[in-house]
Each structure stands twice: as C-alpha cells, then as structure tokens.
Amino acid sequence: DHFGNRRLRTVGELIQNQIRVGLSRMERVVRERMTTQDVEAITPQTLINIRPVVAAIKEFFGTSQMSQFLDQNNPLPALTHKRRLSALGPGGLSRERAGLEVRDVHYSHYGRMCPIETPEGPNIGLIGTPSVYARVNPFGFIETP
C-alpha cells in the first residue's frame, strides 16, 4: 500500500515489452528462413517479415486489459482519462483479491494521488488519478514537489 514500494509501469514500458515480444518472434522466423534458403538467393526482403511485430502491437491495443477506448466528445473527461492510474491488470491486482487495506487511502498517497477522484463500485480505490503536481521519475516511482 505504501507508494515507496509501488512502481508504475508506464505506457511506453508496456509497449516496449510488446515490441520485444514481436521482435523475438520475427527473429525466430528469420533464423528459420536463413536455414532453409540457399545463400545466393537470400535478400533482406525475403528474410524479414514485419507482421509479427505489427501483430504484437495490435494485440496490445486491441485486446489488452490496459488499453481502453478514449471518448473524445468532452475534453475534460478525456484529459482525466489520459491521466488515470490503475492497480489492475497484468502484474497487478484483481478486483477479487484486493482487500480493504489496498483500496483505502494510505498516508503515502497524500500529494501523490487524488483521494477524491476514484470510481464508484468494484473499482473503488484501485483506479485513481495522480495529484496536480505529482510526476513519475525515471525509475517509475511517483514523486511530489
């Protein structure tokens, strides 16, 4: 519950992991093609196929729990939606496993997380918004000024 022990995984880090998965799949395909084709006929165009990387990125944005559709009708909810933080998803908690201690406001949240802006219902306390002047440092921890 203490924010000194919680590390944020940013969108860039999640996409980087997906690209790494796609590149490893592409590497496997290239190695397989290098063993099957003769040396004189090999060109980069015949070896490299970008589809595994594109499929990994589409999988992240299409089916991941961390990807949501942004409603752009009103700019204020769109702005708060872009700033939203979630304790759910891969590597995080599930709604069923999260107890009251995790959902409650901890003293380390002050200045880092807004204690008011959290959804009602089963996600209360699991999804939040950083405070106005909070920022994420390069190591993934939320800092206050």
C-alpha atoms as a PDB file:
ATOM      1  CA  ASP A   1       0.000   0.000   0.000  1.00  0.00           C
ATOM      2  CA  HIS A   2       2.942   2.318   0.616  1.00  0.00           C
ATOM      3  CA  PHE A   3       3.874   4.276  -2.519  1.00  0.00           C
ATOM      4  CA  GLY A   4       7.540   3.924  -1.656  1.00  0.00           C
ATOM      5  CA  ASN A   5       7.169   0.255  -2.610  1.00  0.00           C
ATOM      6  CA  ARG A   6       4.905   0.710  -5.654  1.00  0.00           C
ATOM      7  CA  ARG A   7       6.392   1.181  -9.092  1.00  0.00           C
ATOM      8  CA  LEU A   8       4.420   2.460 -12.076  1.00  0.00           C
ATOM      9  CA  ARG A   9       4.692   0.740 -15.411  1.00  0.00           C
ATOM     10  CA  THR A  10       4.201   3.473 -17.978  1.00  0.00           C
ATOM     11  CA  VAL A  11       2.568   3.073 -21.371  1.00  0.00           C
ATOM     12  CA  GLY A  12       5.968   3.292 -23.047  1.00  0.00           C
ATOM     13  CA  GLU A  13       7.276   0.424 -20.953  1.00  0.00           C
ATOM     14  CA  LEU A  14       4.257  -1.763 -21.749  1.00  0.00           C
ATOM     15  CA  ILE A  15       4.555  -1.065 -25.488  1.00  0.00           C
ATOM     16  CA  GLN A  16       8.309  -1.716 -25.307  1.00  0.00           C
ATOM     17  CA  ASN A  17       7.607  -5.163 -23.845  1.00  0.00           C
ATOM     18  CA  GLN A  18       5.135  -5.914 -26.649  1.00  0.00           C
ATOM     19  CA  ILE A  19       7.626  -4.799 -29.310  1.00  0.00           C
ATOM     20  CA  ARG A  20      10.256  -7.015 -27.674  1.00  0.00           C
ATOM     21  CA  VAL A  21       7.883  -9.985 -27.955  1.00  0.00           C
ATOM     22  CA  GLY A  22       7.193  -9.177 -31.625  1.00  0.00           C
ATOM     23  CA  LEU A  23      10.895  -8.796 -32.431  1.00  0.00           C
ATOM     24  CA  SER A  24      11.715 -12.133 -30.798  1.00  0.00           C
ATOM     25  CA  ARG A  25       9.020 -13.803 -32.925  1.00  0.00           C
ATOM     26  CA  MET A  26      10.402 -12.097 -36.028  1.00  0.00           C
ATOM     27  CA  GLU A  27      13.939 -13.200 -35.108  1.00  0.00           C
ATOM     28  CA  ARG A  28      12.774 -16.801 -34.841  1.00  0.00           C
ATOM     29  CA  VAL A  29      11.183 -16.588 -38.315  1.00  0.00           C
ATOM     30  CA  VAL A  30      14.331 -15.011 -39.807  1.00  0.00           C
ATOM     31  CA  ARG A  31      16.582 -17.706 -38.313  1.00  0.00           C
ATOM     32  CA  GLU A  32      14.278 -20.400 -39.673  1.00  0.00           C
ATOM     33  CA  ARG A  33      14.283 -18.851 -43.160  1.00  0.00           C
ATOM     34  CA  MET A  34      18.078 -18.497 -43.116  1.00  0.00           C
ATOM     35  CA  THR A  35      18.471 -22.232 -42.579  1.00  0.00           C
ATOM     36  CA  THR A  36      16.010 -23.216 -45.313  1.00  0.00           C
ATOM     37  CA  GLN A  37      17.026 -20.846 -48.140  1.00  0.00           C
ATOM     38  CA  ASP A  38      20.202 -21.075 -50.204  1.00  0.00           C
ATOM     39  CA  VAL A  39      22.919 -18.465 -49.625  1.00  0.00           C
ATOM     40  CA  GLU A  40      22.872 -16.926 -53.135  1.00  0.00           C
ATOM     41  CA  ALA A  41      19.129 -16.223 -53.118  1.00  0.00           C
ATOM     42  CA  ILE A  42      18.955 -14.591 -49.672  1.00  0.00           C
ATOM     43  CA  THR A  43      17.945 -10.923 -49.603  1.00  0.00           C
ATOM     44  CA  PRO A  44      16.664  -8.859 -46.676  1.00  0.00           C
ATOM     45  CA  GLN A  45      13.243  -8.664 -48.332  1.00  0.00           C
ATOM     46  CA  THR A  46      12.923 -12.451 -48.410  1.00  0.00           C
ATOM     47  CA  LEU A  47      14.111 -12.903 -44.824  1.00  0.00           C
ATOM     48  CA  ILE A  48      12.390 -10.154 -42.860  1.00  0.00           C
ATOM     49  CA  ASN A  49       8.641 -10.133 -42.303  1.00  0.00           C
ATOM     50  CA  ILE A  50       7.340  -7.316 -40.090  1.00  0.00           C
ATOM     51  CA  ARG A  51       3.953  -8.947 -39.430  1.00  0.00           C
ATOM     52  CA  PRO A  52       4.855 -10.471 -36.003  1.00  0.00           C
ATOM     53  CA  VAL A  53       5.801  -7.020 -34.658  1.00  0.00           C
ATOM     54  CA  VAL A  54       2.644  -5.414 -36.055  1.00  0.00           C
ATOM     55  CA  ALA A  55       0.540  -8.264 -34.644  1.00  0.00           C
ATOM     56  CA  ALA A  56       2.071  -7.809 -31.164  1.00  0.00           C
ATOM     57  CA  ILE A  57       1.311  -4.067 -31.183  1.00  0.00           C
ATOM     58  CA  LYS A  58      -2.243  -4.641 -32.456  1.00  0.00           C
ATOM     59  CA  GLU A  59      -2.724  -7.284 -29.762  1.00  0.00           C
ATOM     60  CA  PHE A  60      -1.741  -4.775 -27.068  1.00  0.00           C
ATOM     61  CA  PHE A  61      -4.035  -2.012 -28.289  1.00  0.00           C
ATOM     62  CA  GLY A  62      -6.883  -4.344 -29.258  1.00  0.00           C
ATOM     63  CA  THR A  63      -7.162  -6.948 -26.525  1.00  0.00           C
ATOM     64  CA  SER A  64      -5.058  -5.832 -23.553  1.00  0.00           C
ATOM     65  CA  GLN A  65      -6.684  -5.004 -20.223  1.00  0.00           C
ATOM     66  CA  MET A  66      -4.599  -1.839 -20.104  1.00  0.00           C
ATOM     67  CA  SER A  67      -5.961  -0.420 -23.367  1.00  0.00           C
ATOM     68  CA  GLN A  68      -9.255   1.470 -23.360  1.00  0.00           C
ATOM     69  CA  PHE A  69     -11.234   3.412 -25.927  1.00  0.00           C
ATOM     70  CA  LEU A  70     -10.976   7.182 -25.395  1.00  0.00           C
ATOM     71  CA  ASP A  71     -14.242   9.091 -25.685  1.00  0.00           C
ATOM     72  CA  GLN A  72     -13.293  12.452 -27.213  1.00  0.00           C
ATOM     73  CA  ASN A  73     -16.667  14.210 -27.017  1.00  0.00           C
ATOM     74  CA  ASN A  74     -15.735  16.291 -23.983  1.00  0.00           C
ATOM     75  CA  PRO A  75     -12.103  17.419 -23.469  1.00  0.00           C
ATOM     76  CA  LEU A  76     -12.181  17.448 -19.646  1.00  0.00           C
ATOM     77  CA  PRO A  77     -13.090  13.753 -19.178  1.00  0.00           C
ATOM     78  CA  ALA A  78     -10.637  12.914 -21.967  1.00  0.00           C
ATOM     79  CA  LEU A  79      -7.868  14.673 -20.019  1.00  0.00           C
ATOM     80  CA  THR A  80      -8.667  12.854 -16.777  1.00  0.00           C
ATOM     81  CA  HIS A  81      -8.903   9.566 -18.689  1.00  0.00           C
ATOM     82  CA  LYS A  82      -5.367  10.081 -20.031  1.00  0.00           C
ATOM     83  CA  ARG A  83      -4.032  10.673 -16.504  1.00  0.00           C
ATOM     84  CA  ARG A  84      -5.709   7.646 -14.923  1.00  0.00           C
ATOM     85  CA  LEU A  85      -3.646   5.085 -12.988  1.00  0.00           C
ATOM     86  CA  SER A  86      -4.713   1.507 -12.383  1.00  0.00           C
ATOM     87  CA  ALA A  87      -3.623  -1.132  -9.888  1.00  0.00           C
ATOM     88  CA  LEU A  88      -5.386  -3.753 -12.019  1.00  0.00           C
ATOM     89  CA  GLY A  89      -4.059  -5.682 -14.991  1.00  0.00           C
ATOM     90  CA  PRO A  90      -1.055  -7.903 -15.684  1.00  0.00           C
ATOM     91  CA  GLY A  91       1.409  -7.765 -12.813  1.00  0.00           C
ATOM     92  CA  GLY A  92      -1.136  -6.011 -10.605  1.00  0.00           C
ATOM     93  CA  LEU A  93      -4.140  -6.861  -8.510  1.00  0.00           C
ATOM     94  CA  SER A  94      -7.519  -8.317  -9.391  1.00  0.00           C
ATOM     95  CA  ARG A  95     -10.819  -6.950  -8.104  1.00  0.00           C
ATOM     96  CA  GLU A  96     -11.454 -10.134  -6.149  1.00  0.00           C
ATOM     97  CA  ARG A  97      -8.019 -10.251  -4.462  1.00  0.00           C
ATOM     98  CA  ALA A  98      -7.935  -6.581  -3.461  1.00  0.00           C
ATOM     99  CA  GLY A  99      -8.916  -6.126   0.165  1.00  0.00           C
ATOM    100  CA  LEU A 100      -9.964  -3.031   2.048  1.00  0.00           C
ATOM    101  CA  GLU A 101      -6.383  -2.139   3.030  1.00  0.00           C
ATOM    102  CA  VAL A 102      -5.342  -1.806  -0.612  1.00  0.00           C
ATOM    103  CA  ARG A 103      -8.382   0.301  -1.502  1.00  0.00           C
ATOM    104  CA  ASP A 104      -8.046   2.634   1.487  1.00  0.00           C
ATOM    105  CA  VAL A 105      -6.181   5.951   1.410  1.00  0.00           C
ATOM    106  CA  HIS A 106      -2.661   5.488   2.788  1.00  0.00           C
ATOM    107  CA  TYR A 107      -0.633   8.348   4.263  1.00  0.00           C
ATOM    108  CA  SER A 108       1.950   7.939   1.477  1.00  0.00           C
ATOM    109  CA  HIS A 109      -0.755   8.822  -1.096  1.00  0.00           C
ATOM    110  CA  TYR A 110      -1.004  12.441   0.065  1.00  0.00           C
ATOM    111  CA  GLY A 111       0.439  14.749  -2.583  1.00  0.00           C
ATOM    112  CA  ARG A 112       0.831  11.842  -4.990  1.00  0.00           C
ATOM    113  CA  MET A 113      -2.718  10.566  -5.580  1.00  0.00           C
ATOM    114  CA  CYS A 114      -6.015  12.411  -5.522  1.00  0.00           C
ATOM    115  CA  PRO A 115      -8.030  10.813  -2.689  1.00  0.00           C
ATOM    116  CA  ILE A 116     -11.338  12.035  -4.136  1.00  0.00           C
ATOM    117  CA  GLU A 117     -11.231  11.059  -7.800  1.00  0.00           C
ATOM    118  CA  THR A 118     -11.773   7.308  -7.820  1.00  0.00           C
ATOM    119  CA  PRO A 119     -14.660   5.424  -9.448  1.00  0.00           C
ATOM    120  CA  GLU A 120     -17.576   4.024  -7.506  1.00  0.00           C
ATOM    121  CA  GLY A 121     -18.368   0.340  -7.490  1.00  0.00           C
ATOM    122  CA  PRO A 122     -15.964  -2.617  -7.684  1.00  0.00           C
ATOM    123  CA  ASN A 123     -13.002  -0.477  -8.814  1.00  0.00           C
ATOM    124  CA  ILE A 124     -13.064   1.941  -5.880  1.00  0.00           C
ATOM    125  CA  GLY A 125      -9.548   2.622  -4.673  1.00  0.00           C
ATOM    126  CA  LEU A 126      -7.981   0.513  -7.430  1.00  0.00           C
ATOM    127  CA  ILE A 127      -8.183   3.164 -10.142  1.00  0.00           C
ATOM    128  CA  GLY A 128      -7.063   6.664  -9.333  1.00  0.00           C
ATOM    129  CA  THR A 129      -5.624   9.896 -10.653  1.00  0.00           C
ATOM    130  CA  PRO A 130      -2.297  11.471  -9.725  1.00  0.00           C
ATOM    131  CA  SER A 131      -2.451  14.797  -7.927  1.00  0.00           C
ATOM    132  CA  VAL A 132      -1.860  18.010  -9.846  1.00  0.00           C
ATOM    133  CA  TYR A 133       1.890  18.370  -9.250  1.00  0.00           C
ATOM    134  CA  ALA A 134       2.798  14.691  -8.951  1.00  0.00           C
ATOM    135  CA  ARG A 135       5.218  13.297 -11.504  1.00  0.00           C
ATOM    136  CA  VAL A 136       6.728   9.933 -12.340  1.00  0.00           C
ATOM    137  CA  ASN A 137      10.515   9.735 -12.030  1.00  0.00           C
ATOM    138  CA  PRO A 138      12.654   7.687 -14.480  1.00  0.00           C
ATOM    139  CA  PHE A 139      12.533   4.675 -12.139  1.00  0.00           C
ATOM    140  CA  GLY A 140       8.716   4.569 -12.164  1.00  0.00           C
ATOM    141  CA  PHE A 141       8.002   5.986  -8.700  1.00  0.00           C
ATOM    142  CA  ILE A 142       5.543   8.834  -8.106  1.00  0.00           C
ATOM    143  CA  GLU A 143       7.200  11.943  -6.674  1.00  0.00           C
ATOM    144  CA  THR A 144       5.786  15.072  -5.097  1.00  0.00           C
ATOM    145  CA  PRO A 145       7.368  18.526  -5.317  1.00  0.00           C
END
